[in-house]
């Protein structure tokens, strides 16, 4: 989110490069003072940026893009994941967290762990993918729940006919 250098900073860079082209510039008091002045000009933008908190930087970023914050809030309220929001806005995910915190929105959707019977019924009727869709969990999570409940996995063996 860093901005480009101002014309004054660009000019200071040019002058600085010419100044330090002399290998003994630091021995000349006048050149040394000019070096300090040029460095203050070049670093002026960086100091302003570092004095701002991250929250202020994120808000500035959103203020420069009208409507973005409102759309992000809507997407979070629709319980979209960070990955889904990131597909729409390819920006730093910390901005999403900032918006969520600013508007006091819930962090994430909690998984509801199904009972052993519900899990077994879903798994037997459609396998990993169906159980994953039914409970909104990854296939790895489904596998862990099955191990926890002692549910046997079905291995399908395709036998080839001779």
N, C-alpha and C. Protein backbone atom coordinates (compact mmCIF):
# COMPACT_ATOMS: atom_id res chain seq x y z
N UNK A 1 0.82 -1.18 0.00
CA UNK A 1 0.00 0.00 0.00
C UNK A 1 0.87 1.26 0.00
N UNK A 2 2.12 1.12 -0.33
CA UNK A 2 3.03 2.24 -0.33
C UNK A 2 2.86 3.03 -1.62
N UNK A 3 2.86 4.35 -1.50
CA UNK A 3 2.65 5.20 -2.67
C UNK A 3 3.99 5.47 -3.37
N UNK A 4 3.88 5.96 -4.56
CA UNK A 4 5.08 6.31 -5.32
C UNK A 4 5.74 7.53 -4.71
N UNK A 5 6.98 7.72 -5.10
CA UNK A 5 7.74 8.87 -4.62
C UNK A 5 7.21 10.16 -5.26
N UNK A 6 7.22 11.21 -4.49
CA UNK A 6 6.78 12.52 -4.99
C UNK A 6 7.86 13.08 -5.92
N UNK A 7 7.52 14.08 -6.73
CA UNK A 7 8.53 14.70 -7.59
C UNK A 7 9.72 15.25 -6.81
N UNK A 8 9.44 15.80 -5.63
CA UNK A 8 10.55 16.32 -4.80
C UNK A 8 11.48 15.18 -4.37
N UNK A 9 10.89 14.04 -4.02
CA UNK A 9 11.71 12.89 -3.62
C UNK A 9 12.49 12.33 -4.79
N UNK A 10 11.88 12.31 -5.97
CA UNK A 10 12.59 11.84 -7.16
C UNK A 10 13.78 12.76 -7.48
N UNK A 11 13.56 14.07 -7.36
CA UNK A 11 14.63 15.02 -7.60
C UNK A 11 15.75 14.85 -6.57
N UNK A 12 15.35 14.61 -5.32
CA UNK A 12 16.34 14.41 -4.26
C UNK A 12 17.17 13.16 -4.53
N UNK A 13 16.53 12.10 -5.03
CA UNK A 13 17.27 10.88 -5.37
C UNK A 13 18.30 11.17 -6.46
N UNK A 14 17.89 11.87 -7.49
CA UNK A 14 18.81 12.19 -8.59
C UNK A 14 20.02 12.97 -8.08
N UNK A 15 19.72 13.97 -7.27
CA UNK A 15 20.82 14.80 -6.73
C UNK A 15 21.71 13.98 -5.79
N UNK A 16 21.10 13.10 -5.02
CA UNK A 16 21.87 12.27 -4.09
C UNK A 16 22.83 11.35 -4.84
N UNK A 17 22.35 10.77 -5.92
CA UNK A 17 23.21 9.88 -6.71
C UNK A 17 24.41 10.62 -7.29
N UNK A 18 24.18 11.84 -7.73
CA UNK A 18 25.30 12.65 -8.23
C UNK A 18 26.27 13.01 -7.10
N UNK A 19 25.70 13.30 -5.93
CA UNK A 19 26.51 13.68 -4.79
C UNK A 19 27.43 12.54 -4.34
N UNK A 20 26.88 11.35 -4.22
CA UNK A 20 27.67 10.23 -3.70
C UNK A 20 28.54 9.58 -4.77
N UNK A 21 28.48 10.11 -5.98
CA UNK A 21 29.35 9.63 -7.04
C UNK A 21 30.81 9.94 -6.70
N UNK A 22 31.01 11.00 -5.94
CA UNK A 22 32.35 11.35 -5.46
C UNK A 22 32.69 10.43 -4.29
N UNK A 23 33.74 9.61 -4.40
CA UNK A 23 34.04 8.64 -3.34
C UNK A 23 34.38 9.26 -1.98
N UNK A 24 34.73 10.52 -1.95
CA UNK A 24 35.09 11.15 -0.68
C UNK A 24 34.13 12.29 -0.32
N UNK A 25 32.86 12.14 -0.68
CA UNK A 25 31.86 13.18 -0.43
C UNK A 25 31.69 13.45 1.06
N UNK A 26 31.83 12.41 1.87
CA UNK A 26 31.58 12.54 3.31
C UNK A 26 32.64 13.38 4.02
N UNK A 27 33.78 13.61 3.36
CA UNK A 27 34.83 14.42 3.97
C UNK A 27 34.54 15.92 3.84
N UNK A 28 33.76 16.29 2.85
CA UNK A 28 33.41 17.69 2.62
C UNK A 28 32.17 18.01 3.47
N UNK A 29 32.30 19.00 4.35
CA UNK A 29 31.21 19.36 5.29
C UNK A 29 29.95 19.80 4.55
N UNK A 30 30.13 20.58 3.51
CA UNK A 30 28.98 21.08 2.74
C UNK A 30 28.22 19.92 2.07
N UNK A 31 28.96 18.99 1.48
CA UNK A 31 28.33 17.83 0.83
C UNK A 31 27.66 16.92 1.86
N UNK A 32 28.27 16.80 3.00
CA UNK A 32 27.71 15.97 4.06
C UNK A 32 26.37 16.54 4.56
N UNK A 33 26.33 17.86 4.74
CA UNK A 33 25.08 18.51 5.15
C UNK A 33 24.01 18.35 4.07
N UNK A 34 24.41 18.49 2.81
CA UNK A 34 23.46 18.34 1.71
C UNK A 34 22.91 16.91 1.68
N UNK A 35 23.76 15.94 1.97
CA UNK A 35 23.35 14.54 2.02
C UNK A 35 22.26 14.34 3.07
N UNK A 36 22.45 14.92 4.26
CA UNK A 36 21.45 14.81 5.33
C UNK A 36 20.11 15.43 4.90
N UNK A 37 20.19 16.59 4.25
CA UNK A 37 18.97 17.26 3.78
C UNK A 37 18.24 16.41 2.75
N UNK A 38 18.98 15.86 1.80
CA UNK A 38 18.37 15.03 0.77
C UNK A 38 17.74 13.77 1.36
N UNK A 39 18.40 13.17 2.32
CA UNK A 39 17.86 11.96 2.96
C UNK A 39 16.56 12.26 3.71
N UNK A 40 16.49 13.44 4.33
CA UNK A 40 15.24 13.82 5.01
C UNK A 40 14.09 13.95 4.01
N UNK A 41 14.39 14.49 2.84
CA UNK A 41 13.36 14.64 1.81
C UNK A 41 12.91 13.26 1.31
N UNK A 42 13.87 12.39 1.07
CA UNK A 42 13.56 11.06 0.54
C UNK A 42 12.76 10.23 1.55
N UNK A 43 13.13 10.31 2.82
CA UNK A 43 12.49 9.48 3.84
C UNK A 43 11.24 10.12 4.45
N UNK A 44 10.91 11.32 4.05
CA UNK A 44 9.76 12.02 4.63
C UNK A 44 8.48 11.22 4.46
N UNK A 45 8.25 10.65 3.30
CA UNK A 45 7.03 9.86 3.03
C UNK A 45 7.00 8.61 3.90
N UNK A 46 8.15 7.95 4.06
CA UNK A 46 8.21 6.72 4.86
C UNK A 46 7.89 6.99 6.32
N UNK A 47 8.35 8.13 6.85
CA UNK A 47 8.07 8.45 8.25
C UNK A 47 6.59 8.69 8.48
N UNK A 48 5.94 9.35 7.51
CA UNK A 48 4.50 9.58 7.64
C UNK A 48 3.75 8.27 7.65
N UNK A 49 4.16 7.33 6.79
CA UNK A 49 3.51 6.04 6.71
C UNK A 49 3.70 5.23 7.98
N UNK A 50 4.92 5.25 8.54
CA UNK A 50 5.19 4.43 9.71
C UNK A 50 4.53 4.98 10.97
N UNK A 51 4.22 6.27 10.97
CA UNK A 51 3.57 6.84 12.15
C UNK A 51 2.09 6.45 12.21
N UNK A 52 1.53 6.02 11.08
CA UNK A 52 0.14 5.58 11.07
C UNK A 52 0.05 4.16 11.59
N UNK A 53 -1.04 3.89 12.28
CA UNK A 53 -1.25 2.51 12.73
C UNK A 53 -1.75 1.68 11.55
N UNK A 54 -1.71 0.38 11.73
CA UNK A 54 -2.17 -0.50 10.66
C UNK A 54 -3.64 -0.25 10.36
N UNK A 55 -4.41 0.00 11.42
CA UNK A 55 -5.84 0.24 11.22
C UNK A 55 -6.05 1.47 10.34
N UNK A 56 -5.27 2.52 10.57
CA UNK A 56 -5.39 3.75 9.77
C UNK A 56 -5.00 3.48 8.32
N UNK A 57 -3.97 2.67 8.11
CA UNK A 57 -3.54 2.34 6.76
C UNK A 57 -4.62 1.56 6.03
N UNK A 58 -5.21 0.57 6.72
CA UNK A 58 -6.28 -0.22 6.11
C UNK A 58 -7.48 0.66 5.78
N UNK A 59 -7.82 1.57 6.69
CA UNK A 59 -8.96 2.45 6.45
C UNK A 59 -8.68 3.39 5.28
N UNK A 60 -7.45 3.92 5.20
CA UNK A 60 -7.08 4.77 4.06
C UNK A 60 -7.22 4.01 2.75
N UNK A 61 -6.76 2.75 2.77
CA UNK A 61 -6.86 1.91 1.57
C UNK A 61 -8.32 1.76 1.14
N UNK A 62 -9.19 1.48 2.11
CA UNK A 62 -10.62 1.32 1.81
C UNK A 62 -11.27 2.62 1.39
N UNK A 63 -10.85 3.74 1.99
CA UNK A 63 -11.42 5.05 1.63
C UNK A 63 -11.11 5.42 0.19
N UNK A 64 -9.96 4.96 -0.32
CA UNK A 64 -9.59 5.26 -1.70
C UNK A 64 -10.38 4.42 -2.69
N UNK A 65 -11.08 3.40 -2.19
CA UNK A 65 -11.87 2.51 -3.04
C UNK A 65 -13.31 2.48 -2.55
N UNK A 66 -14.10 3.48 -2.93
CA UNK A 66 -15.47 3.57 -2.42
C UNK A 66 -16.30 2.34 -2.79
N UNK A 67 -17.06 1.88 -1.81
CA UNK A 67 -17.94 0.74 -2.03
C UNK A 67 -17.33 -0.60 -1.69
N UNK A 68 -15.99 -0.68 -1.65
CA UNK A 68 -15.34 -1.96 -1.38
C UNK A 68 -15.66 -2.46 0.02
N UNK A 69 -15.58 -1.58 1.00
CA UNK A 69 -15.83 -1.99 2.39
C UNK A 69 -17.25 -2.52 2.55
N UNK A 70 -18.20 -1.84 1.94
CA UNK A 70 -19.60 -2.26 2.03
C UNK A 70 -19.81 -3.65 1.42
N UNK A 71 -19.18 -3.90 0.28
CA UNK A 71 -19.30 -5.20 -0.38
C UNK A 71 -18.64 -6.31 0.43
N UNK A 72 -17.50 -6.01 1.05
CA UNK A 72 -16.82 -7.00 1.90
C UNK A 72 -17.69 -7.35 3.09
N UNK A 73 -18.32 -6.33 3.70
CA UNK A 73 -19.22 -6.57 4.84
C UNK A 73 -20.37 -7.48 4.41
N UNK A 74 -20.95 -7.20 3.23
CA UNK A 74 -22.05 -8.04 2.74
C UNK A 74 -21.61 -9.48 2.56
N UNK A 75 -20.41 -9.66 1.99
CA UNK A 75 -19.91 -11.02 1.75
C UNK A 75 -19.67 -11.75 3.07
N UNK A 76 -19.17 -11.05 4.07
CA UNK A 76 -18.93 -11.67 5.38
C UNK A 76 -20.27 -12.05 6.01
N UNK A 77 -21.26 -11.19 5.87
CA UNK A 77 -22.60 -11.50 6.42
C UNK A 77 -23.25 -12.68 5.71
N UNK A 78 -22.88 -12.89 4.46
CA UNK A 78 -23.38 -14.04 3.71
C UNK A 78 -22.61 -15.32 4.07
N UNK A 79 -21.71 -15.21 5.05
CA UNK A 79 -20.89 -16.31 5.55
C UNK A 79 -19.97 -16.89 4.49
N UNK A 80 -19.46 -16.01 3.62
CA UNK A 80 -18.47 -16.46 2.65
C UNK A 80 -17.12 -16.59 3.36
N UNK A 81 -16.32 -17.52 2.91
CA UNK A 81 -15.01 -17.72 3.51
C UNK A 81 -14.04 -16.65 3.01
N UNK A 82 -12.94 -16.53 3.72
CA UNK A 82 -11.90 -15.57 3.32
C UNK A 82 -11.41 -15.91 1.91
N UNK A 83 -11.27 -17.21 1.62
CA UNK A 83 -10.81 -17.63 0.30
C UNK A 83 -11.78 -17.18 -0.79
N UNK A 84 -13.07 -17.27 -0.52
CA UNK A 84 -14.07 -16.85 -1.51
C UNK A 84 -14.03 -15.33 -1.71
N UNK A 85 -13.86 -14.59 -0.63
CA UNK A 85 -13.78 -13.13 -0.74
C UNK A 85 -12.49 -12.74 -1.46
N UNK A 86 -11.42 -13.49 -1.17
CA UNK A 86 -10.12 -13.20 -1.79
C UNK A 86 -10.16 -13.44 -3.31
N UNK A 87 -11.03 -14.33 -3.77
CA UNK A 87 -11.17 -14.54 -5.22
C UNK A 87 -11.74 -13.28 -5.89
N UNK A 88 -12.62 -12.59 -5.18
CA UNK A 88 -13.23 -11.36 -5.73
C UNK A 88 -12.26 -10.19 -5.60
N UNK A 89 -11.70 -10.01 -4.41
CA UNK A 89 -10.76 -8.91 -4.15
C UNK A 89 -9.40 -9.53 -3.81
N UNK A 90 -8.48 -9.46 -4.75
CA UNK A 90 -7.15 -10.02 -4.51
C UNK A 90 -6.30 -8.99 -3.77
N UNK A 91 -6.63 -8.79 -2.49
CA UNK A 91 -5.91 -7.85 -1.64
C UNK A 91 -5.45 -8.59 -0.39
N UNK A 92 -4.71 -7.91 0.44
CA UNK A 92 -4.21 -8.50 1.68
C UNK A 92 -5.38 -8.94 2.55
N UNK A 93 -5.35 -10.20 3.00
CA UNK A 93 -6.45 -10.76 3.79
C UNK A 93 -6.60 -10.06 5.14
N UNK A 94 -5.58 -9.34 5.57
CA UNK A 94 -5.67 -8.61 6.84
C UNK A 94 -6.71 -7.50 6.76
N UNK A 95 -6.96 -7.02 5.55
CA UNK A 95 -7.99 -5.99 5.38
C UNK A 95 -9.36 -6.59 5.66
N UNK A 96 -9.58 -7.84 5.26
CA UNK A 96 -10.85 -8.50 5.56
C UNK A 96 -11.03 -8.63 7.07
N UNK A 97 -9.95 -9.01 7.76
CA UNK A 97 -10.02 -9.14 9.21
C UNK A 97 -10.30 -7.79 9.85
N UNK A 98 -9.68 -6.73 9.32
CA UNK A 98 -9.92 -5.38 9.84
C UNK A 98 -11.39 -5.00 9.69
N UNK A 99 -11.96 -5.26 8.51
CA UNK A 99 -13.37 -4.92 8.26
C UNK A 99 -14.27 -5.72 9.20
N UNK A 100 -13.97 -7.00 9.35
CA UNK A 100 -14.76 -7.86 10.24
C UNK A 100 -14.73 -7.32 11.67
N UNK A 101 -13.56 -6.94 12.12
CA UNK A 101 -13.40 -6.42 13.49
C UNK A 101 -14.09 -5.06 13.64
N UNK A 102 -13.95 -4.21 12.64
CA UNK A 102 -14.52 -2.86 12.70
C UNK A 102 -16.05 -2.92 12.80
N UNK A 103 -16.65 -3.82 12.05
CA UNK A 103 -18.11 -3.92 12.03
C UNK A 103 -18.65 -4.96 13.01
N UNK A 104 -17.76 -5.49 13.85
CA UNK A 104 -18.10 -6.47 14.89
C UNK A 104 -18.88 -7.66 14.33
N UNK A 105 -18.34 -8.21 13.24
CA UNK A 105 -18.95 -9.38 12.61
C UNK A 105 -18.31 -10.65 13.17
N UNK A 106 -19.03 -11.76 13.14
CA UNK A 106 -18.46 -12.99 13.69
C UNK A 106 -17.23 -13.44 12.90
N UNK A 107 -16.30 -14.08 13.61
CA UNK A 107 -15.05 -14.48 12.98
C UNK A 107 -15.24 -15.53 11.91
N UNK A 108 -15.91 -16.58 12.22
CA UNK A 108 -16.09 -17.66 11.26
C UNK A 108 -17.30 -18.49 11.66
N UNK A 109 -17.71 -19.32 10.74
CA UNK A 109 -18.84 -20.20 11.00
C UNK A 109 -18.31 -21.43 11.70
N UNK A 110 -18.86 -21.74 12.86
CA UNK A 110 -18.40 -22.91 13.60
C UNK A 110 -18.99 -24.16 12.99
N UNK A 111 -18.18 -25.20 12.96
CA UNK A 111 -18.67 -26.49 12.49
C UNK A 111 -19.48 -27.15 13.59
N UNK A 112 -20.59 -27.69 13.20
CA UNK A 112 -21.40 -28.45 14.14
C UNK A 112 -21.04 -29.91 13.93
N UNK A 113 -20.50 -30.53 14.97
CA UNK A 113 -20.09 -31.93 14.87
C UNK A 113 -21.33 -32.81 14.88
N UNK A 114 -21.51 -33.62 13.85
CA UNK A 114 -22.70 -34.47 13.80
C UNK A 114 -22.59 -35.65 14.76
N UNK A 115 -23.72 -36.27 15.01
CA UNK A 115 -23.71 -37.48 15.83
C UNK A 115 -23.16 -38.62 14.98
N UNK A 116 -22.83 -39.71 15.64
CA UNK A 116 -22.28 -40.87 14.93
C UNK A 116 -23.28 -41.40 13.91
N UNK A 117 -24.56 -41.44 14.28
CA UNK A 117 -25.59 -41.98 13.37
C UNK A 117 -25.75 -41.08 12.14
N UNK A 118 -25.77 -39.76 12.34
CA UNK A 118 -25.91 -38.84 11.22
C UNK A 118 -24.73 -38.97 10.26
N UNK A 119 -23.55 -39.03 10.83
CA UNK A 119 -22.33 -39.14 10.02
C UNK A 119 -22.32 -40.44 9.23
N UNK A 120 -22.65 -41.54 9.90
CA UNK A 120 -22.62 -42.84 9.24
C UNK A 120 -23.65 -42.91 8.12
N UNK A 121 -24.83 -42.36 8.37
CA UNK A 121 -25.90 -42.37 7.37
C UNK A 121 -25.47 -41.57 6.14
N UNK A 122 -24.91 -40.39 6.35
CA UNK A 122 -24.49 -39.55 5.25
C UNK A 122 -23.35 -40.20 4.47
N UNK A 123 -22.39 -40.77 5.17
CA UNK A 123 -21.24 -41.40 4.53
C UNK A 123 -21.67 -42.61 3.71
N UNK A 124 -22.54 -43.44 4.28
CA UNK A 124 -22.94 -44.67 3.58
C UNK A 124 -23.81 -44.35 2.36
N UNK A 125 -24.53 -43.23 2.39
CA UNK A 125 -25.40 -42.91 1.26
C UNK A 125 -24.66 -42.23 0.11
N UNK A 126 -23.51 -41.60 0.39
CA UNK A 126 -22.85 -40.89 -0.71
C UNK A 126 -21.35 -40.74 -0.59
N UNK A 127 -20.74 -41.35 0.41
CA UNK A 127 -19.29 -41.30 0.54
C UNK A 127 -18.78 -40.00 1.13
N UNK A 128 -17.46 -39.80 0.96
CA UNK A 128 -16.77 -38.64 1.53
C UNK A 128 -17.37 -37.32 1.07
N UNK A 129 -17.58 -37.22 -0.24
CA UNK A 129 -18.01 -35.94 -0.80
C UNK A 129 -19.38 -35.53 -0.28
N UNK A 130 -20.30 -36.48 -0.21
CA UNK A 130 -21.65 -36.16 0.28
C UNK A 130 -21.59 -35.74 1.75
N UNK A 131 -20.85 -36.50 2.56
CA UNK A 131 -20.73 -36.17 3.98
C UNK A 131 -20.07 -34.80 4.15
N UNK A 132 -19.08 -34.53 3.32
CA UNK A 132 -18.37 -33.25 3.36
C UNK A 132 -19.33 -32.10 3.06
N UNK A 133 -20.15 -32.26 2.03
CA UNK A 133 -21.13 -31.22 1.67
C UNK A 133 -22.21 -31.08 2.75
N UNK A 134 -22.69 -32.21 3.28
CA UNK A 134 -23.77 -32.18 4.26
C UNK A 134 -23.39 -31.41 5.52
N UNK A 135 -22.15 -31.59 5.97
CA UNK A 135 -21.74 -31.00 7.25
C UNK A 135 -20.83 -29.79 7.10
N UNK A 136 -20.50 -29.42 5.86
CA UNK A 136 -19.68 -28.24 5.62
C UNK A 136 -18.26 -28.37 6.15
N UNK A 137 -17.74 -29.59 6.09
CA UNK A 137 -16.39 -29.85 6.58
C UNK A 137 -15.56 -30.47 5.48
N UNK A 138 -14.25 -30.42 5.64
CA UNK A 138 -13.38 -31.03 4.65
C UNK A 138 -13.44 -32.55 4.77
N UNK A 139 -12.96 -33.22 3.75
CA UNK A 139 -12.96 -34.68 3.78
C UNK A 139 -12.05 -35.20 4.88
N UNK A 140 -10.97 -34.49 5.16
CA UNK A 140 -10.08 -34.89 6.25
C UNK A 140 -10.78 -34.81 7.60
N UNK A 141 -11.60 -33.79 7.78
CA UNK A 141 -12.36 -33.65 9.03
C UNK A 141 -13.38 -34.79 9.15
N UNK A 142 -14.02 -35.12 8.04
CA UNK A 142 -14.97 -36.23 8.04
C UNK A 142 -14.26 -37.52 8.47
N UNK A 143 -13.08 -37.73 7.91
CA UNK A 143 -12.29 -38.92 8.26
C UNK A 143 -11.97 -38.94 9.75
N UNK A 144 -11.58 -37.81 10.32
CA UNK A 144 -11.26 -37.74 11.76
C UNK A 144 -12.49 -38.06 12.60
N UNK A 145 -13.64 -37.52 12.22
CA UNK A 145 -14.86 -37.81 12.97
C UNK A 145 -15.20 -39.29 12.89
N UNK A 146 -15.00 -39.87 11.71
CA UNK A 146 -15.30 -41.29 11.55
C UNK A 146 -14.38 -42.14 12.44
N UNK A 147 -13.12 -41.77 12.50
CA UNK A 147 -12.19 -42.50 13.39
C UNK A 147 -12.61 -42.35 14.84
N UNK A 148 -13.02 -41.15 15.20
CA UNK A 148 -13.44 -40.87 16.57
C UNK A 148 -14.64 -41.73 16.96
N UNK A 149 -15.60 -41.87 16.04
CA UNK A 149 -16.81 -42.65 16.31
C UNK A 149 -16.63 -44.14 16.02
N UNK A 150 -15.51 -44.51 15.41
CA UNK A 150 -15.28 -45.92 15.10
C UNK A 150 -16.08 -46.41 13.90
N UNK A 151 -16.39 -45.53 12.98
CA UNK A 151 -17.15 -45.90 11.78
C UNK A 151 -16.18 -46.47 10.75
N UNK A 152 -16.52 -47.64 10.23
CA UNK A 152 -15.66 -48.31 9.24
C UNK A 152 -15.78 -47.61 7.90
N UNK A 153 -14.64 -47.50 7.22
CA UNK A 153 -14.66 -46.93 5.88
C UNK A 153 -14.95 -48.04 4.88
N UNK A 154 -15.63 -47.69 3.80
CA UNK A 154 -15.94 -48.65 2.74
C UNK A 154 -14.87 -48.55 1.67
N UNK A 155 -14.19 -49.64 1.44
CA UNK A 155 -13.22 -49.69 0.36
C UNK A 155 -13.86 -50.42 -0.80
N UNK A 156 -13.92 -49.79 -1.94
CA UNK A 156 -14.49 -50.42 -3.12
C UNK A 156 -13.35 -51.01 -3.92
N UNK A 157 -13.41 -52.31 -4.16
CA UNK A 157 -12.37 -52.99 -4.91
C UNK A 157 -12.95 -53.39 -6.26
N UNK A 158 -12.35 -52.88 -7.29
CA UNK A 158 -12.80 -53.24 -8.64
C UNK A 158 -12.05 -54.47 -9.09
N UNK A 159 -12.79 -55.56 -9.22
CA UNK A 159 -12.16 -56.79 -9.68
C UNK A 159 -12.33 -56.88 -11.19
N UNK A 160 -11.27 -57.19 -11.84
CA UNK A 160 -11.31 -57.31 -13.30
C UNK A 160 -11.67 -58.74 -13.67
N UNK A 161 -12.53 -58.86 -14.64
CA UNK A 161 -12.92 -60.20 -15.11
C UNK A 161 -11.89 -60.69 -16.09
N UNK A 162 -11.64 -62.01 -16.01
CA UNK A 162 -10.68 -62.62 -16.93
C UNK A 162 -11.30 -62.97 -18.24
